[in-house]
Each structure stands twice: as structure tokens, then as C-alpha cells.
All heavy atoms as atom14 arrays in JSON, in Angstrom:
{
  "sequence": "QLLGAHIAHAGLIMFWAGSITISQALNYDPTFPFDEQGL",
  "atom14_mask": [
    [1, 1, 1, 1, 1, 1, 1, 1, 1, 0, 0, 0, 0, 0],
    [1, 1, 1, 1, 1, 1, 1, 1, 0, 0, 0, 0, 0, 0],
    [1, 1, 1, 1, 1, 1, 1, 1, 0, 0, 0, 0, 0, 0],
    [1, 1, 1, 1, 0, 0, 0, 0, 0, 0, 0, 0, 0, 0],
    [1, 1, 1, 1, 1, 0, 0, 0, 0, 0, 0, 0, 0, 0],
    [1, 1, 1, 1, 1, 1, 1, 1, 1, 1, 0, 0, 0, 0],
    [1, 1, 1, 1, 1, 1, 1, 1, 0, 0, 0, 0, 0, 0],
    [1, 1, 1, 1, 1, 0, 0, 0, 0, 0, 0, 0, 0, 0],
    [1, 1, 1, 1, 1, 1, 1, 1, 1, 1, 0, 0, 0, 0],
    [1, 1, 1, 1, 1, 0, 0, 0, 0, 0, 0, 0, 0, 0],
    [1, 1, 1, 1, 0, 0, 0, 0, 0, 0, 0, 0, 0, 0],
    [1, 1, 1, 1, 1, 1, 1, 1, 0, 0, 0, 0, 0, 0],
    [1, 1, 1, 1, 1, 1, 1, 1, 0, 0, 0, 0, 0, 0],
    [1, 1, 1, 1, 1, 1, 1, 1, 0, 0, 0, 0, 0, 0],
    [1, 1, 1, 1, 1, 1, 1, 1, 1, 1, 1, 0, 0, 0],
    [1, 1, 1, 1, 1, 1, 1, 1, 1, 1, 1, 1, 1, 1],
    [1, 1, 1, 1, 1, 0, 0, 0, 0, 0, 0, 0, 0, 0],
    [1, 1, 1, 1, 0, 0, 0, 0, 0, 0, 0, 0, 0, 0],
    [1, 1, 1, 1, 1, 1, 0, 0, 0, 0, 0, 0, 0, 0],
    [1, 1, 1, 1, 1, 1, 1, 1, 0, 0, 0, 0, 0, 0],
    [1, 1, 1, 1, 1, 1, 1, 0, 0, 0, 0, 0, 0, 0],
    [1, 1, 1, 1, 1, 1, 1, 1, 0, 0, 0, 0, 0, 0],
    [1, 1, 1, 1, 1, 1, 0, 0, 0, 0, 0, 0, 0, 0],
    [1, 1, 1, 1, 1, 1, 1, 1, 1, 0, 0, 0, 0, 0],
    [1, 1, 1, 1, 1, 0, 0, 0, 0, 0, 0, 0, 0, 0],
    [1, 1, 1, 1, 1, 1, 1, 1, 0, 0, 0, 0, 0, 0],
    [1, 1, 1, 1, 1, 1, 1, 1, 0, 0, 0, 0, 0, 0],
    [1, 1, 1, 1, 1, 1, 1, 1, 1, 1, 1, 1, 0, 0],
    [1, 1, 1, 1, 1, 1, 1, 1, 0, 0, 0, 0, 0, 0],
    [1, 1, 1, 1, 1, 1, 1, 0, 0, 0, 0, 0, 0, 0],
    [1, 1, 1, 1, 1, 1, 1, 0, 0, 0, 0, 0, 0, 0],
    [1, 1, 1, 1, 1, 1, 1, 1, 1, 1, 1, 0, 0, 0],
    [1, 1, 1, 1, 1, 1, 1, 0, 0, 0, 0, 0, 0, 0],
    [1, 1, 1, 1, 1, 1, 1, 1, 1, 1, 1, 0, 0, 0],
    [1, 1, 1, 1, 1, 1, 1, 1, 0, 0, 0, 0, 0, 0],
    [1, 1, 1, 1, 1, 1, 1, 1, 1, 0, 0, 0, 0, 0],
    [1, 1, 1, 1, 1, 1, 1, 1, 1, 0, 0, 0, 0, 0],
    [1, 1, 1, 1, 0, 0, 0, 0, 0, 0, 0, 0, 0, 0],
    [1, 1, 1, 1, 1, 1, 1, 1, 0, 0, 0, 0, 0, 0]
  ],
  "atom14_positions": [
    [[96.41, 116.6, 98.52], [95.35, 117.29, 99.21], [94.49, 116.43, 99.96], [93.95, 116.76, 101.08], [94.6, 118.22, 98.27], [95.33, 119.37, 97.69], [94.53, 120.37, 97.05], [93.38, 120.1, 96.55], [95.04, 121.59, 96.91], [0.0, 0.0, 0.0], [0.0, 0.0, 0.0], [0.0, 0.0, 0.0], [0.0, 0.0, 0.0], [0.0, 0.0, 0.0]],
    [[94.21, 115.17, 99.46], [93.38, 114.22, 100.21], [94.1, 113.82, 101.46], [93.44, 113.66, 102.47], [93.16, 112.99, 99.38], [92.09, 111.99, 99.89], [90.79, 112.69, 100.19], [91.93, 110.8, 98.94], [0.0, 0.0, 0.0], [0.0, 0.0, 0.0], [0.0, 0.0, 0.0], [0.0, 0.0, 0.0], [0.0, 0.0, 0.0], [0.0, 0.0, 0.0]],
    [[95.45, 113.67, 101.41], [96.21, 113.47, 102.66], [96.03, 114.56, 103.59], [95.85, 114.31, 104.83], [97.71, 113.25, 102.24], [98.68, 113.14, 103.48], [98.34, 111.83, 104.26], [100.05, 113.11, 102.91], [0.0, 0.0, 0.0], [0.0, 0.0, 0.0], [0.0, 0.0, 0.0], [0.0, 0.0, 0.0], [0.0, 0.0, 0.0], [0.0, 0.0, 0.0]],
    [[96.06, 115.77, 103.15], [95.83, 116.9, 104.03], [94.48, 116.83, 104.74], [94.37, 117.2, 105.88], [0.0, 0.0, 0.0], [0.0, 0.0, 0.0], [0.0, 0.0, 0.0], [0.0, 0.0, 0.0], [0.0, 0.0, 0.0], [0.0, 0.0, 0.0], [0.0, 0.0, 0.0], [0.0, 0.0, 0.0], [0.0, 0.0, 0.0], [0.0, 0.0, 0.0]],
    [[93.4, 116.46, 103.94], [92.09, 116.37, 104.57], [92.06, 115.3, 105.63], [91.47, 115.47, 106.72], [91.05, 116.06, 103.52], [0.0, 0.0, 0.0], [0.0, 0.0, 0.0], [0.0, 0.0, 0.0], [0.0, 0.0, 0.0], [0.0, 0.0, 0.0], [0.0, 0.0, 0.0], [0.0, 0.0, 0.0], [0.0, 0.0, 0.0], [0.0, 0.0, 0.0]],
    [[92.77, 114.18, 105.36], [92.83, 113.13, 106.4], [93.55, 113.55, 107.68], [93.17, 113.23, 108.78], [93.5, 111.87, 105.78], [92.62, 111.06, 104.88], [92.07, 111.46, 103.73], [92.05, 109.75, 105.14], [91.29, 110.54, 103.25], [91.25, 109.54, 104.04], [0.0, 0.0, 0.0], [0.0, 0.0, 0.0], [0.0, 0.0, 0.0], [0.0, 0.0, 0.0]],
    [[94.66, 114.24, 107.44], [95.4, 114.67, 108.63], [94.68, 115.73, 109.46], [94.59, 115.64, 110.69], [96.75, 115.32, 108.14], [97.62, 114.17, 107.58], [97.55, 115.99, 109.33], [98.9, 114.77, 106.95], [0.0, 0.0, 0.0], [0.0, 0.0, 0.0], [0.0, 0.0, 0.0], [0.0, 0.0, 0.0], [0.0, 0.0, 0.0], [0.0, 0.0, 0.0]],
    [[93.95, 116.68, 108.78], [93.13, 117.6, 109.43], [91.98, 116.9, 110.16], [91.59, 117.37, 111.27], [92.54, 118.6, 108.47], [0.0, 0.0, 0.0], [0.0, 0.0, 0.0], [0.0, 0.0, 0.0], [0.0, 0.0, 0.0], [0.0, 0.0, 0.0], [0.0, 0.0, 0.0], [0.0, 0.0, 0.0], [0.0, 0.0, 0.0], [0.0, 0.0, 0.0]],
    [[91.46, 115.84, 109.62], [90.35, 115.12, 110.29], [90.87, 114.46, 111.51], [90.2, 114.47, 112.6], [89.8, 113.99, 109.36], [88.64, 113.28, 109.93], [88.51, 111.92, 109.7], [87.71, 113.61, 110.72], [87.36, 111.46, 110.38], [86.89, 112.49, 110.98], [0.0, 0.0, 0.0], [0.0, 0.0, 0.0], [0.0, 0.0, 0.0], [0.0, 0.0, 0.0]],
    [[92.15, 113.98, 111.5], [92.81, 113.41, 112.67], [92.92, 114.44, 113.74], [92.81, 114.24, 114.96], [94.12, 112.72, 112.32], [0.0, 0.0, 0.0], [0.0, 0.0, 0.0], [0.0, 0.0, 0.0], [0.0, 0.0, 0.0], [0.0, 0.0, 0.0], [0.0, 0.0, 0.0], [0.0, 0.0, 0.0], [0.0, 0.0, 0.0], [0.0, 0.0, 0.0]],
    [[93.26, 115.7, 113.28], [93.49, 116.76, 114.21], [92.14, 117.09, 114.94], [92.11, 117.4, 116.15], [0.0, 0.0, 0.0], [0.0, 0.0, 0.0], [0.0, 0.0, 0.0], [0.0, 0.0, 0.0], [0.0, 0.0, 0.0], [0.0, 0.0, 0.0], [0.0, 0.0, 0.0], [0.0, 0.0, 0.0], [0.0, 0.0, 0.0], [0.0, 0.0, 0.0]],
    [[90.97, 117.06, 114.19], [89.68, 117.29, 114.82], [89.36, 116.24, 115.91], [88.86, 116.5, 116.88], [88.59, 117.3, 113.71], [88.58, 118.53, 112.8], [87.55, 118.34, 111.67], [88.22, 119.8, 113.63], [0.0, 0.0, 0.0], [0.0, 0.0, 0.0], [0.0, 0.0, 0.0], [0.0, 0.0, 0.0], [0.0, 0.0, 0.0], [0.0, 0.0, 0.0]],
    [[89.71, 114.98, 115.51], [89.5, 113.89, 116.54], [90.28, 114.16, 117.8], [89.87, 114.03, 118.9], [89.83, 112.59, 115.91], [88.8, 112.29, 114.77], [89.69, 111.49, 116.93], [89.2, 111.02, 113.94], [0.0, 0.0, 0.0], [0.0, 0.0, 0.0], [0.0, 0.0, 0.0], [0.0, 0.0, 0.0], [0.0, 0.0, 0.0], [0.0, 0.0, 0.0]],
    [[91.52, 114.5, 117.61], [92.46, 114.81, 118.67], [91.9, 115.98, 119.55], [91.94, 115.94, 120.82], [93.85, 115.11, 118.24], [94.66, 113.91, 117.88], [95.25, 113.04, 119.41], [96.38, 111.87, 118.62], [0.0, 0.0, 0.0], [0.0, 0.0, 0.0], [0.0, 0.0, 0.0], [0.0, 0.0, 0.0], [0.0, 0.0, 0.0], [0.0, 0.0, 0.0]],
    [[91.4, 117.05, 118.84], [90.87, 118.24, 119.57], [89.67, 117.77, 120.31], [89.51, 118.23, 121.54], [90.55, 119.29, 118.51], [90.02, 120.54, 119.27], [90.9, 121.4, 119.73], [88.62, 120.74, 119.31], [90.42, 122.63, 120.34], [88.19, 121.92, 119.91], [89.03, 122.84, 120.43], [0.0, 0.0, 0.0], [0.0, 0.0, 0.0], [0.0, 0.0, 0.0]],
    [[88.73, 117.02, 119.76], [87.62, 116.56, 120.56], [88.01, 115.79, 121.77], [87.58, 116.13, 122.93], [86.71, 115.65, 119.67], [85.59, 115.03, 120.48], [84.39, 115.58, 120.67], [85.6, 113.8, 121.12], [83.61, 114.81, 121.42], [84.35, 113.62, 121.71], [86.51, 112.74, 121.25], [83.97, 112.53, 122.46], [86.12, 111.6, 121.98], [84.88, 111.55, 122.56]],
    [[88.92, 114.78, 121.67], [89.35, 114.02, 122.82], [90.05, 114.83, 123.87], [89.74, 114.68, 125.06], [90.35, 112.9, 122.24], [0.0, 0.0, 0.0], [0.0, 0.0, 0.0], [0.0, 0.0, 0.0], [0.0, 0.0, 0.0], [0.0, 0.0, 0.0], [0.0, 0.0, 0.0], [0.0, 0.0, 0.0], [0.0, 0.0, 0.0], [0.0, 0.0, 0.0]],
    [[90.95, 115.8, 123.46], [91.58, 116.57, 124.43], [90.65, 117.55, 125.12], [90.67, 117.65, 126.41], [0.0, 0.0, 0.0], [0.0, 0.0, 0.0], [0.0, 0.0, 0.0], [0.0, 0.0, 0.0], [0.0, 0.0, 0.0], [0.0, 0.0, 0.0], [0.0, 0.0, 0.0], [0.0, 0.0, 0.0], [0.0, 0.0, 0.0], [0.0, 0.0, 0.0]],
    [[89.82, 118.25, 124.38], [88.95, 119.23, 125.01], [87.89, 118.65, 125.93], [87.68, 119.09, 127.01], [88.24, 120.08, 123.92], [87.45, 119.28, 123.01], [0.0, 0.0, 0.0], [0.0, 0.0, 0.0], [0.0, 0.0, 0.0], [0.0, 0.0, 0.0], [0.0, 0.0, 0.0], [0.0, 0.0, 0.0], [0.0, 0.0, 0.0], [0.0, 0.0, 0.0]],
    [[87.35, 117.47, 125.48], [86.35, 116.77, 126.34], [86.93, 116.18, 127.58], [86.43, 116.24, 128.65], [85.58, 115.74, 125.57], [84.85, 116.35, 124.35], [84.58, 114.97, 126.45], [83.78, 117.39, 124.78], [0.0, 0.0, 0.0], [0.0, 0.0, 0.0], [0.0, 0.0, 0.0], [0.0, 0.0, 0.0], [0.0, 0.0, 0.0], [0.0, 0.0, 0.0]],
    [[88.21, 115.65, 127.47], [88.91, 115.14, 128.64], [89.17, 116.25, 129.64], [88.85, 116.04, 130.89], [90.16, 114.55, 128.22], [89.96, 113.35, 127.34], [91.0, 113.99, 129.41], [0.0, 0.0, 0.0], [0.0, 0.0, 0.0], [0.0, 0.0, 0.0], [0.0, 0.0, 0.0], [0.0, 0.0, 0.0], [0.0, 0.0, 0.0], [0.0, 0.0, 0.0]],
    [[89.59, 117.37, 129.16], [89.84, 118.52, 130.09], [88.51, 119.01, 130.73], [88.52, 119.29, 131.92], [90.52, 119.64, 129.35], [91.99, 119.16, 129.01], [90.58, 120.88, 130.2], [92.73, 120.19, 128.06], [0.0, 0.0, 0.0], [0.0, 0.0, 0.0], [0.0, 0.0, 0.0], [0.0, 0.0, 0.0], [0.0, 0.0, 0.0], [0.0, 0.0, 0.0]],
    [[87.52, 119.08, 129.91], [86.24, 119.48, 130.47], [85.75, 118.53, 131.54], [85.26, 118.94, 132.62], [85.23, 119.56, 129.34], [83.94, 119.87, 129.79], [0.0, 0.0, 0.0], [0.0, 0.0, 0.0], [0.0, 0.0, 0.0], [0.0, 0.0, 0.0], [0.0, 0.0, 0.0], [0.0, 0.0, 0.0], [0.0, 0.0, 0.0], [0.0, 0.0, 0.0]],
    [[85.83, 117.23, 131.31], [85.38, 116.27, 132.24], [86.23, 116.3, 133.53], [85.73, 116.19, 134.63], [85.42, 114.88, 131.71], [84.31, 114.67, 130.59], [84.23, 113.25, 130.11], [85.08, 112.37, 130.56], [83.4, 112.97, 129.18], [0.0, 0.0, 0.0], [0.0, 0.0, 0.0], [0.0, 0.0, 0.0], [0.0, 0.0, 0.0], [0.0, 0.0, 0.0]],
    [[87.56, 116.48, 133.4], [88.45, 116.58, 134.52], [88.08, 117.75, 135.44], [88.16, 117.68, 136.64], [89.91, 116.64, 134.05], [0.0, 0.0, 0.0], [0.0, 0.0, 0.0], [0.0, 0.0, 0.0], [0.0, 0.0, 0.0], [0.0, 0.0, 0.0], [0.0, 0.0, 0.0], [0.0, 0.0, 0.0], [0.0, 0.0, 0.0], [0.0, 0.0, 0.0]],
    [[87.86, 118.96, 134.78], [87.6, 120.14, 135.48], [86.15, 120.08, 136.15], [85.93, 120.8, 137.2], [87.6, 121.36, 134.56], [89.04, 121.66, 133.98], [89.02, 122.84, 133.05], [90.0, 121.86, 135.14], [0.0, 0.0, 0.0], [0.0, 0.0, 0.0], [0.0, 0.0, 0.0], [0.0, 0.0, 0.0], [0.0, 0.0, 0.0], [0.0, 0.0, 0.0]],
    [[85.29, 119.3, 135.56], [83.93, 119.17, 136.13], [83.74, 118.04, 137.17], [82.62, 117.85, 137.61], [82.89, 119.18, 134.96], [82.68, 120.46, 134.28], [82.03, 121.39, 134.75], [83.3, 120.59, 133.18], [0.0, 0.0, 0.0], [0.0, 0.0, 0.0], [0.0, 0.0, 0.0], [0.0, 0.0, 0.0], [0.0, 0.0, 0.0], [0.0, 0.0, 0.0]],
    [[84.8, 117.31, 137.37], [84.71, 116.19, 138.32], [84.35, 116.65, 139.7], [85.0, 117.61, 140.21], [85.92, 115.38, 138.33], [86.07, 114.32, 139.36], [85.2, 113.24, 139.37], [86.98, 114.47, 140.45], [85.27, 112.35, 140.37], [87.06, 113.59, 141.46], [86.17, 112.54, 141.37], [86.26, 111.57, 142.41], [0.0, 0.0, 0.0], [0.0, 0.0, 0.0]],
    [[83.42, 116.09, 140.25], [82.97, 116.38, 141.67], [83.13, 115.21, 142.57], [82.37, 114.27, 142.44], [81.52, 116.85, 141.64], [81.03, 117.46, 142.99], [81.78, 117.23, 144.0], [80.03, 118.11, 143.01], [0.0, 0.0, 0.0], [0.0, 0.0, 0.0], [0.0, 0.0, 0.0], [0.0, 0.0, 0.0], [0.0, 0.0, 0.0], [0.0, 0.0, 0.0]],
    [[84.14, 115.2, 143.5], [84.38, 114.08, 144.33], [83.25, 113.81, 145.38], [83.27, 112.69, 146.05], [85.67, 114.47, 145.13], [85.73, 115.94, 145.01], [85.08, 116.3, 143.74], [0.0, 0.0, 0.0], [0.0, 0.0, 0.0], [0.0, 0.0, 0.0], [0.0, 0.0, 0.0], [0.0, 0.0, 0.0], [0.0, 0.0, 0.0], [0.0, 0.0, 0.0]],
    [[82.28, 114.76, 145.47], [81.2, 114.48, 146.45], [80.06, 113.67, 145.84], [79.13, 113.28, 146.52], [80.63, 115.87, 146.9], [80.03, 116.53, 145.79], [81.73, 116.64, 147.53], [0.0, 0.0, 0.0], [0.0, 0.0, 0.0], [0.0, 0.0, 0.0], [0.0, 0.0, 0.0], [0.0, 0.0, 0.0], [0.0, 0.0, 0.0], [0.0, 0.0, 0.0]],
    [[80.13, 113.34, 144.55], [79.18, 112.53, 143.87], [79.85, 111.25, 143.41], [81.02, 111.21, 143.13], [78.56, 113.3, 142.71], [77.58, 114.3, 143.05], [78.0, 115.66, 143.29], [76.24, 114.05, 143.19], [77.12, 116.6, 143.59], [75.31, 115.05, 143.54], [75.76, 116.3, 143.82], [0.0, 0.0, 0.0], [0.0, 0.0, 0.0], [0.0, 0.0, 0.0]],
    [[79.03, 110.15, 143.33], [79.62, 108.87, 142.81], [80.2, 109.05, 141.49], [79.59, 109.74, 140.59], [78.39, 107.93, 142.83], [77.49, 108.45, 143.81], [77.66, 109.92, 143.78], [0.0, 0.0, 0.0], [0.0, 0.0, 0.0], [0.0, 0.0, 0.0], [0.0, 0.0, 0.0], [0.0, 0.0, 0.0], [0.0, 0.0, 0.0], [0.0, 0.0, 0.0]],
    [[81.36, 108.53, 141.17], [82.07, 108.68, 139.9], [81.23, 108.11, 138.76], [81.13, 108.8, 137.73], [83.37, 107.92, 140.0], [84.24, 108.09, 138.74], [85.12, 109.12, 138.59], [84.13, 107.16, 137.66], [85.87, 109.35, 137.45], [84.86, 107.28, 136.5], [85.77, 108.38, 136.42], [0.0, 0.0, 0.0], [0.0, 0.0, 0.0], [0.0, 0.0, 0.0]],
    [[80.53, 107.02, 138.93], [79.77, 106.39, 137.85], [78.49, 107.16, 137.49], [77.82, 106.79, 136.47], [79.56, 104.89, 138.15], [78.64, 104.75, 139.42], [78.48, 105.78, 140.07], [78.28, 103.58, 139.69], [0.0, 0.0, 0.0], [0.0, 0.0, 0.0], [0.0, 0.0, 0.0], [0.0, 0.0, 0.0], [0.0, 0.0, 0.0], [0.0, 0.0, 0.0]],
    [[78.15, 108.13, 138.26], [76.99, 108.91, 137.91], [77.16, 110.25, 137.31], [76.26, 111.06, 137.04], [76.14, 109.16, 139.23], [75.62, 107.83, 139.86], [74.84, 108.18, 141.19], [74.57, 109.37, 141.45], [74.42, 107.17, 141.91], [0.0, 0.0, 0.0], [0.0, 0.0, 0.0], [0.0, 0.0, 0.0], [0.0, 0.0, 0.0], [0.0, 0.0, 0.0]],
    [[78.49, 110.48, 137.03], [78.87, 111.81, 136.49], [79.09, 111.84, 134.96], [79.37, 112.93, 134.38], [80.12, 112.37, 137.16], [79.93, 112.58, 138.64], [81.13, 113.21, 139.36], [81.61, 114.27, 138.88], [81.63, 112.63, 140.38], [0.0, 0.0, 0.0], [0.0, 0.0, 0.0], [0.0, 0.0, 0.0], [0.0, 0.0, 0.0], [0.0, 0.0, 0.0]],
    [[78.97, 110.69, 134.31], [79.1, 110.65, 132.85], [80.5, 111.0, 132.34], [80.59, 111.57, 131.3], [0.0, 0.0, 0.0], [0.0, 0.0, 0.0], [0.0, 0.0, 0.0], [0.0, 0.0, 0.0], [0.0, 0.0, 0.0], [0.0, 0.0, 0.0], [0.0, 0.0, 0.0], [0.0, 0.0, 0.0], [0.0, 0.0, 0.0], [0.0, 0.0, 0.0]],
    [[81.5, 110.61, 133.16], [82.9, 110.97, 132.79], [83.51, 109.87, 131.95], [84.37, 109.19, 132.44], [83.75, 111.29, 134.04], [83.16, 112.32, 135.01], [84.02, 112.41, 136.24], [82.93, 113.65, 134.26], [0.0, 0.0, 0.0], [0.0, 0.0, 0.0], [0.0, 0.0, 0.0], [0.0, 0.0, 0.0], [0.0, 0.0, 0.0], [0.0, 0.0, 0.0]]
  ]
}
């Protein structure tokens, strides 16, 4: 069960990385400097 908790935790990390990456990609605005958009 401790292994299950660790695997689920890795899944949460993956979900965060995937969802935030998609959010940043969809909110990218080429009319503003890239380094000012917090991507």
C-alpha cells in the first residue's frame, strides 16, 4: 500500500506537469515578449 501511495503521488506530479504545460501553451501570446509571460 505504501508503494501505491508513492505511485499515486507520481501520478499527481505528472498531472500537474501536463495540465500546467497545456495551460501555458494555450495561453501563449506571440504579441508579447516570451520572457514576460511566465511560461
